[in-house]
Amino acid sequence: MTAFCRTAPWLALALTLAASPAAAAAGPPPGFILTDNADLAFTSPDGATRLEQYMKDGGDWDVKWQVWARHGEQRTELKPEQGYGAGFRFTPDSQWLVRMQKTGSGEQDLFLYHLENGVFVSATKKTSLSDLAWAYFYGRPETKNFARLDFHISANLMKGTEEAYRWLGVNWPDNRYLVLSLGGEYDKHPKNTVMKGLGGWQCRYDLQTGKFDVPAMFAKENAEAMKWEVKRR
């Protein structure tokens, strides 16, 4: 009886650890298969982190994708689970990671992750980077009368992250800023009429402060973006 009492706590601890997600072998659940699509494989500039994308096809259009970051022997899921594969872009210092996530036809979200203790974690807590960008857009004085978009809503990461957007003619610090472009349309337009929306409104996100701004150099194009329209056929 005494021997049992002494070993029981250790047994209980062992069972607890075995049941703990942290102690379980990290990786996708059964049914998820690693894609062999080379366009969906990404490695950080320092070579320390490799992204693996797994897909599960449940039939009847029930498709799920998970992304796992492999850092040494450790694997961590980059949530959330989605219905499509994703594109990724690292900052040159390999500390930040942007997920360009298709969510539907002509629609895309952005998610931001930061490397902490060798693991990429969400850098925007319980929301996406794109949701924050849209909140910033609709909260600006010049957009207070801009009707909310409801079709083909897309947030995009503009090219140039790798060289701090030098192609724009700027001299911004390395690994500091992301330039986002927002676009979308209004649904329920009949054919052969002018379709209106937002055509590539740009803003800048500061990775150090977590705040958005609009550099003066974007002002002219942004004003034109808010007048976007196209003939629907």
Protein backbone atom coordinates (compact mmCIF):
# COMPACT_ATOMS: atom_id res chain seq x y z
CA MET A 1 0.00 0.00 0.00
CA THR A 2 2.81 2.38 0.92
CA ALA A 3 4.70 1.65 -2.29
CA PHE A 4 1.56 2.34 -4.30
CA CYS A 5 1.03 5.68 -2.58
CA ARG A 6 4.59 6.74 -3.40
CA THR A 7 4.44 5.86 -7.08
CA ALA A 8 0.88 7.01 -7.76
CA PRO A 9 1.78 10.72 -8.04
CA TRP A 10 4.47 9.93 -10.60
CA LEU A 11 2.02 7.77 -12.52
CA ALA A 12 -0.54 10.56 -12.47
CA LEU A 13 2.07 13.03 -13.72
CA ALA A 14 3.08 10.70 -16.51
CA LEU A 15 -0.51 10.30 -17.59
CA THR A 16 -1.04 14.04 -17.51
CA LEU A 17 2.01 14.69 -19.65
CA ALA A 18 0.97 12.00 -22.09
CA ALA A 19 -2.41 13.66 -22.48
CA SER A 20 -0.97 17.17 -22.77
CA PRO A 21 -0.89 18.69 -26.28
CA ALA A 22 2.53 20.16 -25.54
CA ALA A 23 3.95 16.74 -24.76
CA ALA A 24 2.28 15.06 -27.72
CA ALA A 25 4.27 14.57 -30.90
CA ALA A 26 3.86 17.81 -32.86
CA GLY A 27 2.44 17.47 -36.33
CA PRO A 28 -0.80 17.43 -38.31
CA PRO A 29 -3.59 15.06 -37.28
CA PRO A 30 -4.40 11.90 -39.25
CA GLY A 31 -5.69 12.45 -42.77
CA PHE A 32 -3.53 15.48 -43.54
CA ILE A 33 -1.02 14.86 -46.34
CA LEU A 34 2.08 16.94 -47.03
CA THR A 35 1.71 18.66 -50.41
CA ASP A 36 4.36 18.07 -53.04
CA ASN A 37 3.63 21.41 -54.70
CA ALA A 38 6.99 23.21 -54.76
CA ASP A 39 5.22 26.59 -54.92
CA LEU A 40 3.80 25.96 -51.44
CA ALA A 41 7.19 25.23 -49.81
CA PHE A 42 8.99 28.12 -48.11
CA THR A 43 12.24 28.45 -46.14
CA SER A 44 13.39 31.41 -44.05
CA PRO A 45 16.39 33.40 -45.34
CA ASP A 46 18.60 32.06 -42.53
CA GLY A 47 17.58 28.50 -43.42
CA ALA A 48 16.44 27.76 -39.87
CA THR A 49 12.69 27.49 -40.50
CA ARG A 50 10.90 25.49 -43.16
CA LEU A 51 7.18 25.75 -43.77
CA GLU A 52 5.20 22.61 -44.57
CA GLN A 53 1.63 22.70 -45.87
CA TYR A 54 -0.69 19.76 -45.34
CA MET A 55 -4.05 19.14 -47.00
CA LYS A 56 -7.01 16.96 -46.04
CA ASP A 57 -9.74 16.28 -48.58
CA GLY A 58 -12.92 15.18 -46.86
CA GLY A 59 -14.92 15.07 -50.10
CA ASP A 60 -17.91 17.19 -51.11
CA TRP A 61 -15.67 20.29 -51.26
CA ASP A 62 -14.62 19.79 -47.64
CA VAL A 63 -10.92 20.65 -48.01
CA LYS A 64 -8.76 21.80 -45.11
CA TRP A 65 -5.18 23.07 -45.05
CA GLN A 66 -2.75 23.32 -42.14
CA VAL A 67 0.64 25.04 -42.12
CA TRP A 68 3.42 23.77 -39.86
CA ALA A 69 6.71 25.55 -39.24
CA ARG A 70 9.65 23.20 -38.72
CA HIS A 71 12.46 24.74 -36.69
CA GLY A 72 15.09 22.12 -35.94
CA GLU A 73 13.28 19.15 -34.41
CA GLN A 74 10.34 21.29 -33.35
CA ARG A 75 7.15 21.76 -35.37
CA THR A 76 4.50 24.37 -34.65
CA GLU A 77 1.20 24.97 -36.41
CA LEU A 78 0.68 28.41 -37.89
CA LYS A 79 -3.00 28.91 -37.21
CA PRO A 80 -5.67 29.35 -38.39
CA GLU A 81 -6.56 26.29 -40.45
CA GLN A 82 -7.86 27.37 -43.87
CA GLY A 83 -9.57 26.06 -46.98
CA TYR A 84 -6.68 26.84 -49.34
CA GLY A 85 -2.91 26.68 -49.45
CA ALA A 86 -1.07 29.92 -48.78
CA GLY A 87 1.85 32.03 -49.90
CA PHE A 88 4.45 33.30 -47.43
CA ARG A 89 7.10 35.97 -47.22
CA PHE A 90 9.80 36.36 -44.55
CA THR A 91 11.60 39.55 -43.63
CA PRO A 92 15.33 39.36 -44.43
CA ASP A 93 16.23 38.87 -40.76
CA SER A 94 13.91 35.83 -40.60
CA GLN A 95 12.12 37.32 -37.57
CA TRP A 96 8.78 38.14 -39.21
CA LEU A 97 6.53 36.11 -41.47
CA VAL A 98 3.52 37.21 -43.52
CA ARG A 99 0.94 34.68 -44.66
CA MET A 100 -0.94 35.57 -47.85
CA GLN A 101 -4.03 33.48 -47.48
CA LYS A 102 -6.59 33.00 -50.24
CA THR A 103 -10.07 32.73 -48.73
CA GLY A 104 -12.17 32.55 -51.89
CA SER A 105 -12.34 33.63 -55.51
CA GLY A 106 -10.63 37.03 -55.66
CA GLU A 107 -10.40 37.28 -51.87
CA GLN A 108 -7.37 37.19 -49.58
CA ASP A 109 -6.41 37.76 -45.95
CA LEU A 110 -3.03 38.50 -44.41
CA PHE A 111 -1.69 36.98 -41.18
CA LEU A 112 1.45 38.13 -39.38
CA TYR A 113 3.75 35.96 -37.24
CA HIS A 114 6.83 36.77 -35.17
CA LEU A 115 9.66 34.50 -34.12
CA GLU A 116 9.79 34.10 -30.33
CA ASN A 117 12.08 31.57 -28.65
CA GLY A 118 12.51 29.70 -31.92
CA VAL A 119 8.76 29.49 -32.59
CA PHE A 120 6.60 31.61 -34.91
CA VAL A 121 3.53 32.92 -33.09
CA SER A 122 0.73 35.27 -34.07
CA ALA A 123 1.91 38.87 -33.90
CA THR A 124 -1.60 40.37 -33.92
CA LYS A 125 -3.18 38.25 -31.17
CA LYS A 126 -6.79 37.31 -31.96
CA THR A 127 -7.22 39.04 -35.31
CA SER A 128 -5.57 39.05 -38.71
CA LEU A 129 -3.25 41.70 -40.10
CA SER A 130 -5.77 42.31 -42.87
CA ASP A 131 -8.59 42.92 -40.40
CA LEU A 132 -6.43 45.51 -38.67
CA ALA A 133 -5.64 47.14 -42.02
CA TRP A 134 -9.31 47.34 -42.98
CA ALA A 135 -10.19 48.82 -39.59
CA TYR A 136 -7.50 51.43 -40.15
CA PHE A 137 -8.84 52.20 -43.64
CA TYR A 138 -12.45 52.67 -42.53
CA GLY A 139 -11.35 54.72 -39.54
CA ARG A 140 -9.63 57.43 -41.57
CA PRO A 141 -11.33 60.83 -42.14
CA GLU A 142 -11.35 60.53 -45.95
CA THR A 143 -13.17 57.17 -45.84
CA LYS A 144 -15.98 58.04 -43.43
CA ASN A 145 -18.47 58.21 -46.32
CA PHE A 146 -16.98 55.30 -48.26
CA ALA A 147 -19.53 52.49 -48.39
CA ARG A 148 -18.24 49.18 -47.04
CA LEU A 149 -17.12 46.73 -49.68
CA ASP A 150 -18.86 43.36 -49.85
CA PHE A 151 -17.32 41.47 -52.79
CA HIS A 152 -13.83 40.26 -53.78
CA ILE A 153 -12.35 41.82 -50.66
CA SER A 154 -8.59 41.37 -50.75
CA ALA A 155 -5.59 42.51 -48.71
CA ASN A 156 -2.23 42.12 -50.42
CA LEU A 157 1.40 42.41 -49.38
CA MET A 158 3.21 44.50 -51.95
CA LYS A 159 6.48 43.26 -53.37
CA GLY A 160 9.70 44.62 -51.92
CA THR A 161 9.76 43.28 -48.36
CA GLU A 162 13.15 41.70 -49.03
CA GLU A 163 14.89 44.99 -49.87
CA ALA A 164 12.85 47.38 -47.69
CA TYR A 165 10.90 48.63 -50.73
CA ARG A 166 13.86 50.34 -52.34
CA TRP A 167 12.06 50.14 -55.69
CA LEU A 168 9.71 52.83 -54.37
CA GLY A 169 12.67 55.20 -54.11
CA VAL A 170 12.66 55.19 -50.30
CA ASN A 171 15.39 54.65 -47.74
CA TRP A 172 13.45 52.91 -44.98
CA PRO A 173 15.24 50.78 -42.36
CA ASP A 174 15.55 47.08 -43.12
CA ASN A 175 13.06 44.69 -41.49
CA ARG A 176 10.86 47.57 -40.32
CA TYR A 177 7.87 48.10 -42.62
CA LEU A 178 5.28 46.20 -44.63
CA VAL A 179 3.36 47.87 -47.45
CA LEU A 180 -0.20 46.63 -47.88
CA SER A 181 -2.66 47.16 -50.71
CA LEU A 182 -6.42 46.89 -50.10
CA GLY A 183 -9.03 46.29 -52.76
CA GLY A 184 -12.57 45.12 -53.28
CA GLU A 185 -15.86 45.65 -55.07
CA TYR A 186 -19.57 46.02 -54.52
CA ASP A 187 -21.73 43.01 -55.32
CA LYS A 188 -25.07 42.81 -57.15
CA HIS A 189 -24.12 44.95 -60.12
CA PRO A 190 -25.99 43.90 -63.29
CA LYS A 191 -23.94 43.02 -66.33
CA ASN A 192 -22.81 45.66 -68.80
CA THR A 193 -22.80 48.39 -66.15
CA VAL A 194 -20.03 50.21 -64.36
CA MET A 195 -18.82 48.24 -61.33
CA LYS A 196 -17.29 50.27 -58.53
CA GLY A 197 -15.07 49.50 -55.57
CA LEU A 198 -11.61 50.14 -54.19
CA GLY A 199 -8.63 49.67 -56.47
CA GLY A 200 -5.42 49.16 -54.54
CA TRP A 201 -5.41 51.59 -51.60
CA GLN A 202 -1.97 51.49 -49.94
CA CYS A 203 -0.80 51.84 -46.36
CA ARG A 204 2.32 51.03 -44.35
CA TYR A 205 2.57 48.84 -41.25
CA ASP A 206 5.35 49.40 -38.71
CA LEU A 207 6.59 46.08 -37.33
CA GLN A 208 8.17 47.80 -34.33
CA THR A 209 5.19 49.85 -33.17
CA GLY A 210 2.32 47.79 -34.58
CA LYS A 211 0.77 50.91 -36.13
CA PHE A 212 -0.36 51.88 -39.63
CA ASP A 213 0.26 55.09 -41.51
CA VAL A 214 -0.01 56.45 -45.04
CA PRO A 215 3.20 58.05 -46.35
CA ALA A 216 2.62 61.18 -48.40
CA MET A 217 3.93 59.41 -51.50
CA PHE A 218 0.80 57.19 -51.49
CA ALA A 219 -1.73 60.05 -51.32
CA LYS A 220 -2.33 60.59 -55.05
CA GLU A 221 -2.71 56.90 -55.92
CA ASN A 222 -4.92 56.32 -52.89
CA ALA A 223 -7.28 59.10 -53.96
CA GLU A 224 -7.56 57.47 -57.37
CA ALA A 225 -8.05 54.04 -55.81
CA MET A 226 -11.17 55.26 -54.02
CA LYS A 227 -12.68 56.24 -57.37
CA TRP A 228 -12.03 52.85 -58.97
CA GLU A 229 -14.56 51.56 -61.44
CA VAL A 230 -14.63 49.11 -64.29
CA LYS A 231 -17.11 48.07 -66.95
CA ARG A 232 -18.57 44.70 -65.96
CA ARG A 233 -19.11 42.30 -68.86
